[in-house]
């Protein structure tokens, strides 16, 4: 199973650039993380979820819940 982060970003009109600027995390770091091939051992990490949450002014648990409910493949 993996999280379809690309679809989540598209559906929420987010880009890695916007997430980087709003969250304070580096663009290159986020780009590498969002574009890596996921496996059961390498999924999104807390930093990624925190960055997405900050970019949307949401709590991390809300982002995680949305990802689990609608973007888990």
N, C-alpha and C. Protein backbone atom coordinates (compact mmCIF):
# COMPACT_ATOMS: atom_id res chain seq x y z
N UNK A 1 0.84 -1.18 0.00
CA UNK A 1 0.00 0.00 0.00
C UNK A 1 0.89 1.24 0.00
N UNK A 2 0.37 2.28 -0.62
CA UNK A 2 1.09 3.54 -0.64
C UNK A 2 0.09 4.69 -0.63
N UNK A 3 0.59 5.87 -0.33
CA UNK A 3 -0.25 7.07 -0.31
C UNK A 3 -0.06 7.79 -1.64
N UNK A 4 -1.16 8.05 -2.33
CA UNK A 4 -1.11 8.74 -3.61
C UNK A 4 -1.03 10.25 -3.35
N UNK A 5 0.17 10.67 -2.97
CA UNK A 5 0.38 12.06 -2.58
C UNK A 5 0.19 13.02 -3.76
N UNK A 6 0.53 12.59 -4.94
CA UNK A 6 0.38 13.45 -6.13
C UNK A 6 -1.09 13.82 -6.34
N UNK A 7 -1.97 12.85 -6.18
CA UNK A 7 -3.40 13.12 -6.34
C UNK A 7 -3.90 14.05 -5.23
N UNK A 8 -3.41 13.83 -4.02
CA UNK A 8 -3.81 14.69 -2.90
C UNK A 8 -3.40 16.14 -3.19
N UNK A 9 -2.18 16.33 -3.62
CA UNK A 9 -1.71 17.69 -3.91
C UNK A 9 -2.53 18.32 -5.03
N UNK A 10 -2.79 17.56 -6.07
CA UNK A 10 -3.58 18.07 -7.20
C UNK A 10 -4.99 18.43 -6.76
N UNK A 11 -5.63 17.54 -6.02
CA UNK A 11 -7.01 17.77 -5.57
C UNK A 11 -7.13 18.98 -4.64
N UNK A 12 -6.05 19.28 -3.93
CA UNK A 12 -6.07 20.41 -2.99
C UNK A 12 -5.35 21.64 -3.54
N UNK A 13 -5.07 21.62 -4.84
CA UNK A 13 -4.44 22.75 -5.53
C UNK A 13 -3.16 23.20 -4.84
N UNK A 14 -2.33 22.22 -4.48
CA UNK A 14 -1.06 22.49 -3.82
C UNK A 14 0.09 22.10 -4.73
N UNK A 15 1.17 22.86 -4.65
CA UNK A 15 2.40 22.49 -5.33
C UNK A 15 3.48 22.34 -4.26
N UNK A 16 4.53 21.67 -4.61
CA UNK A 16 5.64 21.51 -3.67
C UNK A 16 6.22 22.88 -3.33
N UNK A 17 6.26 23.76 -4.31
CA UNK A 17 6.78 25.12 -4.08
C UNK A 17 5.95 25.85 -3.02
N UNK A 18 4.64 25.81 -3.17
CA UNK A 18 3.75 26.49 -2.21
C UNK A 18 3.89 25.86 -0.82
N UNK A 19 3.93 24.55 -0.76
CA UNK A 19 4.10 23.87 0.53
C UNK A 19 5.41 24.29 1.17
N UNK A 20 6.46 24.35 0.38
CA UNK A 20 7.77 24.76 0.89
C UNK A 20 7.73 26.16 1.47
N UNK A 21 7.16 27.08 0.73
CA UNK A 21 7.11 28.48 1.18
C UNK A 21 6.26 28.66 2.43
N UNK A 22 5.11 28.01 2.46
CA UNK A 22 4.20 28.18 3.60
C UNK A 22 4.62 27.41 4.84
N UNK A 23 5.35 26.30 4.64
CA UNK A 23 5.71 25.47 5.79
C UNK A 23 7.09 25.79 6.36
N UNK A 24 7.96 26.35 5.52
CA UNK A 24 9.31 26.64 5.96
C UNK A 24 10.29 25.50 5.71
N UNK A 25 9.81 24.39 5.17
CA UNK A 25 10.69 23.27 4.84
C UNK A 25 11.29 23.52 3.45
N UNK A 26 12.48 23.00 3.24
CA UNK A 26 13.17 23.21 1.97
C UNK A 26 12.49 22.55 0.79
N UNK A 27 12.48 23.24 -0.34
CA UNK A 27 11.86 22.72 -1.55
C UNK A 27 12.50 21.40 -1.98
N UNK A 28 13.82 21.35 -2.02
CA UNK A 28 14.51 20.15 -2.47
C UNK A 28 14.19 18.95 -1.60
N UNK A 29 14.16 19.16 -0.30
CA UNK A 29 13.83 18.08 0.64
C UNK A 29 12.43 17.54 0.37
N UNK A 30 11.47 18.45 0.24
CA UNK A 30 10.08 18.03 -0.01
C UNK A 30 9.95 17.38 -1.39
N UNK A 31 10.60 17.95 -2.38
CA UNK A 31 10.52 17.40 -3.73
C UNK A 31 11.02 15.96 -3.76
N UNK A 32 12.15 15.71 -3.13
CA UNK A 32 12.69 14.35 -3.09
C UNK A 32 11.73 13.40 -2.37
N UNK A 33 11.16 13.86 -1.28
CA UNK A 33 10.28 13.02 -0.49
C UNK A 33 8.98 12.72 -1.23
N UNK A 34 8.37 13.73 -1.85
CA UNK A 34 7.09 13.53 -2.54
C UNK A 34 7.25 12.75 -3.85
N UNK A 35 8.45 12.71 -4.39
CA UNK A 35 8.66 12.03 -5.66
C UNK A 35 9.35 10.68 -5.55
N UNK A 36 9.68 10.27 -4.33
CA UNK A 36 10.32 8.96 -4.17
C UNK A 36 9.30 7.85 -4.32
N UNK A 37 9.78 6.70 -4.74
CA UNK A 37 8.91 5.54 -4.83
C UNK A 37 8.63 5.04 -3.42
N UNK A 38 7.36 4.87 -3.10
CA UNK A 38 6.97 4.43 -1.77
C UNK A 38 6.87 2.92 -1.72
N UNK A 39 7.20 2.39 -0.56
CA UNK A 39 6.98 0.98 -0.26
C UNK A 39 6.46 0.90 1.17
N UNK A 40 6.26 -0.29 1.65
CA UNK A 40 5.78 -0.40 3.03
C UNK A 40 6.82 0.11 4.03
N UNK A 41 8.08 0.14 3.60
CA UNK A 41 9.15 0.62 4.49
C UNK A 41 9.42 2.11 4.32
N UNK A 42 9.03 2.68 3.20
CA UNK A 42 9.30 4.10 2.95
C UNK A 42 8.03 4.80 2.50
N UNK A 43 7.26 5.25 3.43
CA UNK A 43 6.08 6.02 3.10
C UNK A 43 6.36 7.48 3.45
N UNK A 44 5.33 8.29 3.47
CA UNK A 44 5.52 9.69 3.88
C UNK A 44 5.95 9.73 5.33
N UNK A 45 6.70 10.74 5.69
CA UNK A 45 7.12 10.85 7.08
C UNK A 45 6.39 12.01 7.76
N UNK A 46 6.64 12.16 9.03
CA UNK A 46 5.96 13.19 9.82
C UNK A 46 6.24 14.59 9.27
N UNK A 47 7.47 14.83 8.82
CA UNK A 47 7.83 16.13 8.26
C UNK A 47 6.93 16.47 7.07
N UNK A 48 6.71 15.50 6.20
CA UNK A 48 5.88 15.73 5.01
C UNK A 48 4.45 16.09 5.39
N UNK A 49 3.91 15.35 6.33
CA UNK A 49 2.54 15.62 6.78
C UNK A 49 2.46 16.98 7.47
N UNK A 50 3.47 17.30 8.26
CA UNK A 50 3.53 18.60 8.92
C UNK A 50 3.59 19.72 7.89
N UNK A 51 4.39 19.56 6.86
CA UNK A 51 4.52 20.58 5.82
C UNK A 51 3.18 20.80 5.11
N UNK A 52 2.50 19.72 4.76
CA UNK A 52 1.20 19.82 4.09
C UNK A 52 0.19 20.51 5.01
N UNK A 53 0.19 20.14 6.27
CA UNK A 53 -0.74 20.74 7.23
C UNK A 53 -0.48 22.24 7.39
N UNK A 54 0.78 22.62 7.54
CA UNK A 54 1.11 24.04 7.68
C UNK A 54 0.71 24.83 6.44
N UNK A 55 0.90 24.27 5.28
CA UNK A 55 0.55 24.95 4.03
C UNK A 55 -0.95 25.20 3.91
N UNK A 56 -1.74 24.37 4.60
CA UNK A 56 -3.20 24.51 4.53
C UNK A 56 -3.81 25.05 5.82
N UNK A 57 -2.96 25.40 6.77
CA UNK A 57 -3.44 25.86 8.08
C UNK A 57 -4.37 24.84 8.73
N UNK A 58 -3.94 23.58 8.69
CA UNK A 58 -4.70 22.48 9.30
C UNK A 58 -3.86 21.79 10.35
N UNK A 59 -4.53 21.01 11.18
CA UNK A 59 -3.81 20.16 12.12
C UNK A 59 -3.31 18.94 11.35
N UNK A 60 -2.20 18.39 11.79
CA UNK A 60 -1.61 17.24 11.11
C UNK A 60 -2.56 16.05 11.07
N UNK A 61 -3.32 15.82 12.13
CA UNK A 61 -4.21 14.66 12.16
C UNK A 61 -5.28 14.76 11.08
N UNK A 62 -5.69 15.97 10.74
CA UNK A 62 -6.70 16.13 9.69
C UNK A 62 -6.13 15.72 8.33
N UNK A 63 -4.91 16.11 8.07
CA UNK A 63 -4.26 15.74 6.81
C UNK A 63 -4.07 14.23 6.76
N UNK A 64 -3.57 13.66 7.84
CA UNK A 64 -3.35 12.22 7.89
C UNK A 64 -4.66 11.45 7.69
N UNK A 65 -5.70 11.91 8.32
CA UNK A 65 -7.00 11.24 8.18
C UNK A 65 -7.49 11.30 6.72
N UNK A 66 -7.35 12.46 6.09
CA UNK A 66 -7.74 12.60 4.69
C UNK A 66 -6.92 11.67 3.78
N UNK A 67 -5.63 11.61 4.03
CA UNK A 67 -4.77 10.73 3.25
C UNK A 67 -5.17 9.27 3.43
N UNK A 68 -5.43 8.87 4.66
CA UNK A 68 -5.80 7.48 4.93
C UNK A 68 -7.16 7.11 4.34
N UNK A 69 -8.09 8.05 4.41
CA UNK A 69 -9.46 7.75 3.95
C UNK A 69 -9.60 7.76 2.44
N UNK A 70 -8.86 8.64 1.76
CA UNK A 70 -9.11 8.83 0.33
C UNK A 70 -7.92 8.58 -0.59
N UNK A 71 -6.72 8.49 -0.06
CA UNK A 71 -5.55 8.41 -0.94
C UNK A 71 -4.65 7.22 -0.66
N UNK A 72 -5.12 6.28 0.10
CA UNK A 72 -4.35 5.08 0.39
C UNK A 72 -4.66 4.04 -0.67
N UNK A 73 -3.67 3.64 -1.39
CA UNK A 73 -3.86 2.70 -2.52
C UNK A 73 -3.29 1.34 -2.18
